[in-house]
């Protein structure tokens, strides 16, 4: 099935074939050449069909290379894989987006993660009810660390 791979190190966005096997997502997000192995992924929903899979622990791996996706509030660390999702089954399907569409919305960047701001409180949740506790951790970005020569 059609997928789109975003690579912030090489600053490339290209169409690839995805087998449909979720294990291949780990392989596509990993970057052995640069010592990045992905063990968990998370999903950023782009629209009713399309999403970006990214390394769930990417911010904890001292990343330097990121990409920003227009409309999403923070930079995403490491590679991203754009796929579609069937809303009834939850299974991956081919993305309906083109490389040109994704390229128009992606900007590559370099940062360091200087730490995290922790927040906690209560909220009125539509399913869990009033006064539901929440915990939030937000990254603090800084300039990229100097590279070793």
N, C-alpha and C. Protein backbone atom coordinates (compact mmCIF):
# COMPACT_ATOMS: atom_id res chain seq x y z
N UNK A 1 0.84 -1.18 0.00
CA UNK A 1 0.00 0.00 0.00
C UNK A 1 0.88 1.24 0.00
N UNK A 2 0.34 2.32 -0.51
CA UNK A 2 1.07 3.58 -0.60
C UNK A 2 1.26 4.20 0.79
N UNK A 3 2.49 4.59 1.09
CA UNK A 3 2.83 5.31 2.32
C UNK A 3 3.83 6.39 1.94
N UNK A 4 4.05 7.33 2.85
CA UNK A 4 5.02 8.40 2.61
C UNK A 4 5.97 8.45 3.81
N UNK A 5 7.27 8.38 3.51
CA UNK A 5 8.29 8.39 4.55
C UNK A 5 8.95 9.76 4.60
N UNK A 6 8.94 10.35 5.80
CA UNK A 6 9.57 11.65 6.04
C UNK A 6 10.86 11.39 6.81
N UNK A 7 11.99 11.84 6.26
CA UNK A 7 13.29 11.61 6.90
C UNK A 7 13.96 12.96 7.14
N UNK A 8 13.97 13.43 8.40
CA UNK A 8 14.53 14.76 8.66
C UNK A 8 16.06 14.81 8.60
N UNK A 9 16.74 13.67 8.69
CA UNK A 9 18.20 13.68 8.59
C UNK A 9 18.62 13.95 7.15
N UNK A 10 18.03 13.22 6.21
CA UNK A 10 18.35 13.43 4.79
C UNK A 10 17.48 14.51 4.17
N UNK A 11 16.51 15.00 4.95
CA UNK A 11 15.57 16.03 4.49
C UNK A 11 14.86 15.59 3.21
N UNK A 12 14.34 14.36 3.25
CA UNK A 12 13.63 13.82 2.10
C UNK A 12 12.21 13.41 2.50
N UNK A 13 11.33 13.47 1.53
CA UNK A 13 9.96 12.99 1.66
C UNK A 13 9.68 12.19 0.41
N UNK A 14 9.41 10.89 0.59
CA UNK A 14 9.23 10.05 -0.60
C UNK A 14 8.13 9.03 -0.40
N UNK A 15 7.51 8.66 -1.51
CA UNK A 15 6.49 7.62 -1.50
C UNK A 15 7.18 6.26 -1.43
N UNK A 16 6.65 5.39 -0.58
CA UNK A 16 7.17 4.03 -0.45
C UNK A 16 6.00 3.06 -0.41
N UNK A 17 6.31 1.79 -0.48
CA UNK A 17 5.31 0.74 -0.33
C UNK A 17 5.36 0.21 1.09
N UNK A 18 4.19 0.10 1.72
CA UNK A 18 4.08 -0.48 3.05
C UNK A 18 3.32 -1.79 2.93
N UNK A 19 3.82 -2.82 3.59
CA UNK A 19 3.24 -4.16 3.48
C UNK A 19 1.90 -4.30 4.18
N UNK A 20 1.60 -3.40 5.11
CA UNK A 20 0.40 -3.54 5.90
C UNK A 20 0.67 -4.19 7.24
N UNK A 21 1.87 -4.75 7.41
CA UNK A 21 2.27 -5.39 8.66
C UNK A 21 2.77 -4.31 9.62
N UNK A 22 2.19 -4.24 10.83
CA UNK A 22 2.57 -3.18 11.76
C UNK A 22 4.04 -3.27 12.16
N UNK A 23 4.63 -4.47 12.09
CA UNK A 23 6.05 -4.61 12.44
C UNK A 23 6.95 -3.83 11.47
N UNK A 24 6.50 -3.68 10.24
CA UNK A 24 7.29 -2.92 9.28
C UNK A 24 7.34 -1.43 9.66
N UNK A 25 6.35 -0.95 10.39
CA UNK A 25 6.38 0.45 10.83
C UNK A 25 7.60 0.69 11.71
N UNK A 26 7.89 -0.24 12.63
CA UNK A 26 9.08 -0.12 13.47
C UNK A 26 10.35 -0.03 12.62
N UNK A 27 10.43 -0.89 11.60
CA UNK A 27 11.61 -0.91 10.73
C UNK A 27 11.76 0.41 9.96
N UNK A 28 10.65 0.92 9.44
CA UNK A 28 10.70 2.14 8.64
C UNK A 28 11.02 3.37 9.48
N UNK A 29 10.60 3.37 10.75
CA UNK A 29 10.89 4.50 11.62
C UNK A 29 12.30 4.42 12.21
N UNK A 30 12.85 3.21 12.30
CA UNK A 30 14.21 3.04 12.83
C UNK A 30 15.24 3.54 11.82
N UNK A 31 16.39 3.91 12.32
CA UNK A 31 17.48 4.42 11.48
C UNK A 31 18.78 3.82 12.00
N UNK A 32 19.05 2.58 11.61
CA UNK A 32 20.22 1.86 12.11
C UNK A 32 21.52 2.60 11.84
N UNK A 33 21.61 3.23 10.69
CA UNK A 33 22.83 3.96 10.32
C UNK A 33 23.17 5.05 11.34
N UNK A 34 22.13 5.64 11.94
CA UNK A 34 22.33 6.70 12.92
C UNK A 34 22.03 6.24 14.35
N UNK A 35 21.94 4.92 14.55
CA UNK A 35 21.78 4.36 15.88
C UNK A 35 20.42 4.56 16.52
N UNK A 36 19.37 4.70 15.71
CA UNK A 36 18.03 4.89 16.26
C UNK A 36 17.20 3.64 16.00
N UNK A 37 16.80 2.97 17.10
CA UNK A 37 15.92 1.81 17.02
C UNK A 37 14.59 2.18 17.66
N UNK A 38 13.51 1.97 16.94
CA UNK A 38 12.19 2.32 17.42
C UNK A 38 11.52 1.07 18.00
N UNK A 39 11.12 1.18 19.27
CA UNK A 39 10.44 0.08 19.96
C UNK A 39 8.96 0.37 20.20
N UNK A 40 8.59 1.63 20.17
CA UNK A 40 7.20 2.06 20.36
C UNK A 40 6.91 3.18 19.37
N UNK A 41 5.69 3.20 18.86
CA UNK A 41 5.33 4.34 18.03
C UNK A 41 4.02 4.93 18.52
N UNK A 42 3.82 6.18 18.14
CA UNK A 42 2.58 6.87 18.43
C UNK A 42 2.06 7.46 17.13
N UNK A 43 0.83 7.91 17.16
CA UNK A 43 0.18 8.36 15.93
C UNK A 43 -0.32 9.79 16.09
N UNK A 44 -0.03 10.62 15.11
CA UNK A 44 -0.55 11.99 15.04
C UNK A 44 -1.59 12.01 13.93
N UNK A 45 -2.85 12.28 14.29
CA UNK A 45 -3.93 12.30 13.32
C UNK A 45 -3.87 13.58 12.51
N UNK A 46 -3.89 13.46 11.18
CA UNK A 46 -3.83 14.62 10.30
C UNK A 46 -5.20 15.07 9.82
N UNK A 47 -6.07 14.09 9.54
CA UNK A 47 -7.43 14.36 9.07
C UNK A 47 -8.26 13.11 9.36
N UNK A 48 -9.41 12.98 8.73
CA UNK A 48 -10.29 11.84 9.01
C UNK A 48 -9.70 10.49 8.58
N UNK A 49 -8.72 10.50 7.68
CA UNK A 49 -8.15 9.25 7.15
C UNK A 49 -6.67 9.11 7.45
N UNK A 50 -5.91 10.17 7.34
CA UNK A 50 -4.45 10.09 7.34
C UNK A 50 -3.83 10.44 8.69
N UNK A 51 -2.69 9.80 8.95
CA UNK A 51 -1.96 10.04 10.20
C UNK A 51 -0.46 9.86 9.95
N UNK A 52 0.33 10.35 10.91
CA UNK A 52 1.78 10.17 10.86
C UNK A 52 2.18 9.32 12.05
N UNK A 53 2.87 8.21 11.77
CA UNK A 53 3.46 7.39 12.82
C UNK A 53 4.84 7.94 13.13
N UNK A 54 5.16 8.10 14.41
CA UNK A 54 6.48 8.59 14.84
C UNK A 54 6.94 7.78 16.05
N UNK A 55 8.23 7.85 16.33
CA UNK A 55 8.83 7.18 17.49
C UNK A 55 8.24 7.77 18.76
N UNK A 56 7.58 6.93 19.57
CA UNK A 56 6.95 7.41 20.80
C UNK A 56 7.97 7.89 21.82
N UNK A 57 9.19 7.38 21.74
CA UNK A 57 10.24 7.78 22.66
C UNK A 57 11.27 8.69 22.00
N UNK A 58 10.92 9.22 20.84
CA UNK A 58 11.86 10.01 20.05
C UNK A 58 12.44 11.21 20.78
N UNK A 59 11.64 11.88 21.60
CA UNK A 59 12.12 13.06 22.32
C UNK A 59 13.10 12.70 23.43
N UNK A 60 13.12 11.43 23.85
CA UNK A 60 14.00 10.98 24.93
C UNK A 60 15.35 10.49 24.43
N UNK A 61 15.56 10.48 23.12
CA UNK A 61 16.77 9.90 22.52
C UNK A 61 17.78 10.96 22.10
N UNK A 62 17.77 12.10 22.76
CA UNK A 62 18.68 13.20 22.46
C UNK A 62 18.67 13.53 20.96
N UNK A 63 17.48 13.76 20.40
CA UNK A 63 17.40 14.00 18.96
C UNK A 63 17.94 15.36 18.56
N UNK A 64 18.34 15.46 17.33
CA UNK A 64 18.77 16.73 16.74
C UNK A 64 17.86 17.10 15.57
N UNK A 65 17.39 16.09 14.85
CA UNK A 65 16.65 16.31 13.60
C UNK A 65 15.16 16.11 13.82
N UNK A 66 14.40 17.11 13.39
CA UNK A 66 12.96 17.14 13.58
C UNK A 66 12.28 17.54 12.28
N UNK A 67 10.97 17.36 12.26
CA UNK A 67 10.17 17.98 11.22
C UNK A 67 8.92 18.55 11.87
N UNK A 68 8.48 19.66 11.33
CA UNK A 68 7.24 20.30 11.76
C UNK A 68 6.20 20.02 10.69
N UNK A 69 5.00 19.65 11.12
CA UNK A 69 3.90 19.45 10.18
C UNK A 69 2.89 20.56 10.44
N UNK A 70 2.59 21.34 9.40
CA UNK A 70 1.68 22.48 9.54
C UNK A 70 0.37 22.02 10.19
N UNK A 71 0.00 22.73 11.26
CA UNK A 71 -1.22 22.40 11.97
C UNK A 71 -1.00 21.57 13.22
N UNK A 72 0.20 21.01 13.39
CA UNK A 72 0.52 20.27 14.60
C UNK A 72 1.39 21.16 15.48
N UNK A 73 1.16 21.14 16.77
CA UNK A 73 1.69 22.16 17.67
C UNK A 73 3.17 22.07 18.01
N UNK A 74 3.83 20.95 17.79
CA UNK A 74 5.23 20.87 18.17
C UNK A 74 6.04 20.07 17.15
N UNK A 75 7.35 20.25 17.14
CA UNK A 75 8.19 19.47 16.23
C UNK A 75 8.12 17.98 16.56
N UNK A 76 8.27 17.15 15.54
CA UNK A 76 8.26 15.70 15.68
C UNK A 76 9.68 15.19 15.47
N UNK A 77 10.15 14.34 16.38
CA UNK A 77 11.53 13.86 16.37
C UNK A 77 11.66 12.61 15.50
N UNK A 78 12.71 12.57 14.70
CA UNK A 78 13.01 11.38 13.90
C UNK A 78 12.13 11.27 12.67
N UNK A 79 12.11 10.05 12.14
CA UNK A 79 11.34 9.79 10.92
C UNK A 79 9.84 9.78 11.19
N UNK A 80 9.09 10.04 10.13
CA UNK A 80 7.63 9.95 10.19
C UNK A 80 7.12 9.12 9.03
N UNK A 81 6.08 8.35 9.27
CA UNK A 81 5.47 7.51 8.24
C UNK A 81 4.01 7.88 8.11
N UNK A 82 3.62 8.37 6.94
CA UNK A 82 2.24 8.77 6.69
C UNK A 82 1.49 7.58 6.08
N UNK A 83 0.42 7.19 6.77
CA UNK A 83 -0.47 6.13 6.30
C UNK A 83 -1.90 6.57 6.51
N UNK A 84 -2.82 5.84 5.92
CA UNK A 84 -4.23 6.04 6.22
C UNK A 84 -4.67 5.02 7.25
N UNK A 85 -5.84 5.24 7.80
CA UNK A 85 -6.40 4.27 8.75
C UNK A 85 -7.89 4.11 8.45
N UNK A 86 -8.32 2.86 8.44
CA UNK A 86 -9.74 2.54 8.24
C UNK A 86 -10.47 2.84 9.56
N UNK A 87 -11.40 3.77 9.55
CA UNK A 87 -12.06 4.20 10.79
C UNK A 87 -12.93 3.11 11.41
N UNK A 88 -13.33 2.12 10.63
CA UNK A 88 -14.17 1.05 11.18
C UNK A 88 -13.35 -0.06 11.81
N UNK A 89 -12.26 -0.46 11.15
CA UNK A 89 -11.46 -1.59 11.66
C UNK A 89 -10.22 -1.16 12.43
N UNK A 90 -9.76 0.08 12.20
CA UNK A 90 -8.52 0.53 12.82
C UNK A 90 -7.28 0.06 12.09
N UNK A 91 -7.45 -0.64 10.99
CA UNK A 91 -6.32 -1.17 10.21
C UNK A 91 -5.73 -0.08 9.33
N UNK A 92 -4.43 -0.21 9.08
CA UNK A 92 -3.76 0.71 8.16
C UNK A 92 -4.25 0.50 6.74
N UNK A 93 -4.37 1.61 6.03
CA UNK A 93 -4.69 1.59 4.60
C UNK A 93 -3.75 2.58 3.91
N UNK A 94 -3.77 2.58 2.60
CA UNK A 94 -2.93 3.50 1.84
C UNK A 94 -3.30 4.94 2.18
N UNK A 95 -2.29 5.79 2.25
CA UNK A 95 -2.57 7.21 2.46
C UNK A 95 -3.27 7.78 1.24
N UNK A 96 -4.13 8.74 1.47
CA UNK A 96 -4.80 9.43 0.37
C UNK A 96 -4.06 10.71 -0.01
N UNK A 97 -2.97 11.01 0.72
CA UNK A 97 -2.20 12.22 0.47
C UNK A 97 -1.10 11.97 -0.56
N UNK A 98 -0.73 13.00 -1.27
CA UNK A 98 0.37 12.91 -2.23
C UNK A 98 1.66 13.38 -1.56
N UNK A 99 2.79 13.03 -2.15
CA UNK A 99 4.08 13.52 -1.67
C UNK A 99 4.11 15.04 -1.74
N UNK A 100 3.54 15.60 -2.78
CA UNK A 100 3.52 17.06 -2.94
C UNK A 100 2.72 17.72 -1.81
N UNK A 101 1.60 17.12 -1.46
CA UNK A 101 0.76 17.66 -0.38
C UNK A 101 1.52 17.64 0.95
N UNK A 102 2.15 16.51 1.25
CA UNK A 102 2.92 16.39 2.50
C UNK A 102 4.11 17.34 2.47
N UNK A 103 4.83 17.38 1.35
CA UNK A 103 6.01 18.26 1.23
C UNK A 103 5.65 19.72 1.47
N UNK A 104 4.47 20.11 1.03
CA UNK A 104 4.02 21.49 1.22
C UNK A 104 3.79 21.83 2.69
N UNK A 105 3.56 20.81 3.52
CA UNK A 105 3.22 21.03 4.92
C UNK A 105 4.36 20.71 5.90
N UNK A 106 5.46 20.16 5.40
CA UNK A 106 6.58 19.77 6.26
C UNK A 106 7.70 20.79 6.16
N UNK A 107 8.26 21.12 7.31
CA UNK A 107 9.48 21.94 7.39
C UNK A 107 10.46 21.20 8.29
N UNK A 108 11.68 21.05 7.82
CA UNK A 108 12.72 20.37 8.60
C UNK A 108 13.39 21.36 9.53
N UNK A 109 13.83 20.87 10.68
CA UNK A 109 14.45 21.75 11.67
C UNK A 109 15.43 20.96 12.53
N UNK A 110 16.27 21.70 13.24
CA UNK A 110 17.22 21.10 14.18
C UNK A 110 17.05 21.80 15.53
N UNK A 111 16.96 21.01 16.58
CA UNK A 111 16.80 21.51 17.95
C UNK A 111 17.55 20.57 18.89
N UNK A 112 17.50 20.92 20.16
CA UNK A 112 17.83 19.98 21.23
C UNK A 112 16.62 19.98 22.16
N UNK A 113 16.46 18.90 22.89
CA UNK A 113 15.42 18.84 23.91
C UNK A 113 16.10 19.15 25.23
N UNK A 114 15.79 20.30 25.80
CA UNK A 114 16.46 20.75 27.02
C UNK A 114 15.81 20.20 28.28
N UNK A 115 14.60 19.72 28.16
CA UNK A 115 13.90 19.16 29.31
C UNK A 115 12.41 19.13 29.04
N UNK A 116 11.66 18.94 30.12
CA UNK A 116 10.21 18.83 30.01
C UNK A 116 9.56 19.63 31.13
N UNK A 117 8.43 20.24 30.83
CA UNK A 117 7.62 20.93 31.82
C UNK A 117 6.48 19.98 32.19
N UNK A 118 6.33 19.72 33.48
CA UNK A 118 5.28 18.82 33.97
C UNK A 118 4.10 19.66 34.47
N UNK A 119 2.92 19.24 34.10
CA UNK A 119 1.71 19.90 34.57
C UNK A 119 0.74 18.84 35.05
N UNK A 120 -0.05 19.19 36.07
CA UNK A 120 -1.13 18.30 36.49
C UNK A 120 -2.28 19.16 36.96
N UNK A 121 -3.45 18.59 36.91
CA UNK A 121 -4.64 19.31 37.31
C UNK A 121 -5.85 18.43 37.16
N UNK A 122 -7.01 19.06 37.07
CA UNK A 122 -8.26 18.34 36.85
C UNK A 122 -8.99 19.00 35.69
N UNK A 123 -9.83 18.22 35.04
CA UNK A 123 -10.60 18.73 33.92
C UNK A 123 -11.95 18.04 33.86
N UNK A 124 -12.86 18.64 33.15
CA UNK A 124 -14.14 17.98 32.88
C UNK A 124 -13.97 17.19 31.60
N UNK A 125 -13.97 15.88 31.72
CA UNK A 125 -13.74 14.99 30.59
C UNK A 125 -15.08 14.48 30.07
N UNK A 126 -15.27 14.44 28.74
CA UNK A 126 -16.58 14.04 28.19
C UNK A 126 -16.94 12.58 28.47
N UNK A 127 -15.97 11.72 28.74
CA UNK A 127 -16.26 10.31 29.00
C UNK A 127 -16.03 9.96 30.47
N UNK A 128 -14.93 10.43 31.04
CA UNK A 128 -14.56 10.06 32.40
C UNK A 128 -15.20 10.95 33.47
N UNK A 129 -15.84 12.03 33.07
CA UNK A 129 -16.61 12.83 34.00
C UNK A 129 -15.90 14.07 34.51
N UNK A 130 -16.57 14.72 35.44
CA UNK A 130 -16.07 15.97 36.02
C UNK A 130 -14.90 15.69 36.94
N UNK A 131 -14.02 16.67 37.03
CA UNK A 131 -12.88 16.63 37.94
C UNK A 131 -11.98 15.41 37.71
N UNK A 132 -11.76 15.08 36.43
CA UNK A 132 -10.86 13.99 36.07
C UNK A 132 -9.42 14.49 36.13
N UNK A 133 -8.56 13.80 36.89
CA UNK A 133 -7.16 14.24 36.96
C UNK A 133 -6.45 14.07 35.62
N UNK A 134 -5.53 14.98 35.31
CA UNK A 134 -4.69 14.82 34.12
C UNK A 134 -3.24 15.13 34.48
N UNK A 135 -2.34 14.55 33.72
CA UNK A 135 -0.90 14.78 33.84
C UNK A 135 -0.39 15.06 32.44
N UNK A 136 0.40 16.11 32.29
CA UNK A 136 0.89 16.51 30.97
C UNK A 136 2.37 16.81 31.07
N UNK A 137 3.10 16.39 30.06
CA UNK A 137 4.52 16.66 29.97
C UNK A 137 4.79 17.30 28.61
N UNK A 138 5.34 18.50 28.61
CA UNK A 138 5.61 19.23 27.36
C UNK A 138 7.11 19.45 27.21
N UNK A 139 7.65 19.17 26.02
CA UNK A 139 9.09 19.37 25.82
C UNK A 139 9.47 20.84 25.75
N UNK A 140 10.69 21.12 26.17
CA UNK A 140 11.28 22.45 26.04
C UNK A 140 12.40 22.33 25.01
N UNK A 141 12.27 23.04 23.89
CA UNK A 141 13.24 22.96 22.81
C UNK A 141 14.25 24.08 22.91
N UNK A 142 15.49 23.78 22.51
CA UNK A 142 16.55 24.77 22.47
C UNK A 142 17.32 24.63 21.16
N UNK A 143 18.38 25.41 21.01
CA UNK A 143 19.18 25.30 19.79
C UNK A 143 19.87 23.94 19.74
N UNK A 144 20.19 23.46 18.55
CA UNK A 144 20.87 22.17 18.45
C UNK A 144 22.23 22.20 19.11
N UNK A 145 22.61 21.07 19.68
CA UNK A 145 23.94 20.98 20.29
C UNK A 145 24.99 21.01 19.18
N UNK A 146 26.18 21.54 19.48
CA UNK A 146 27.24 21.54 18.46
C UNK A 146 27.57 20.11 18.03
N UNK A 147 27.85 19.96 16.75
CA UNK A 147 28.24 18.63 16.26
C UNK A 147 29.72 18.40 16.47
N UNK A 148 30.06 17.13 16.67
CA UNK A 148 31.48 16.77 16.82
C UNK A 148 32.08 16.63 15.43
N UNK A 149 33.26 17.12 15.26
CA UNK A 149 33.92 17.05 13.94
C UNK A 149 34.94 15.94 13.93
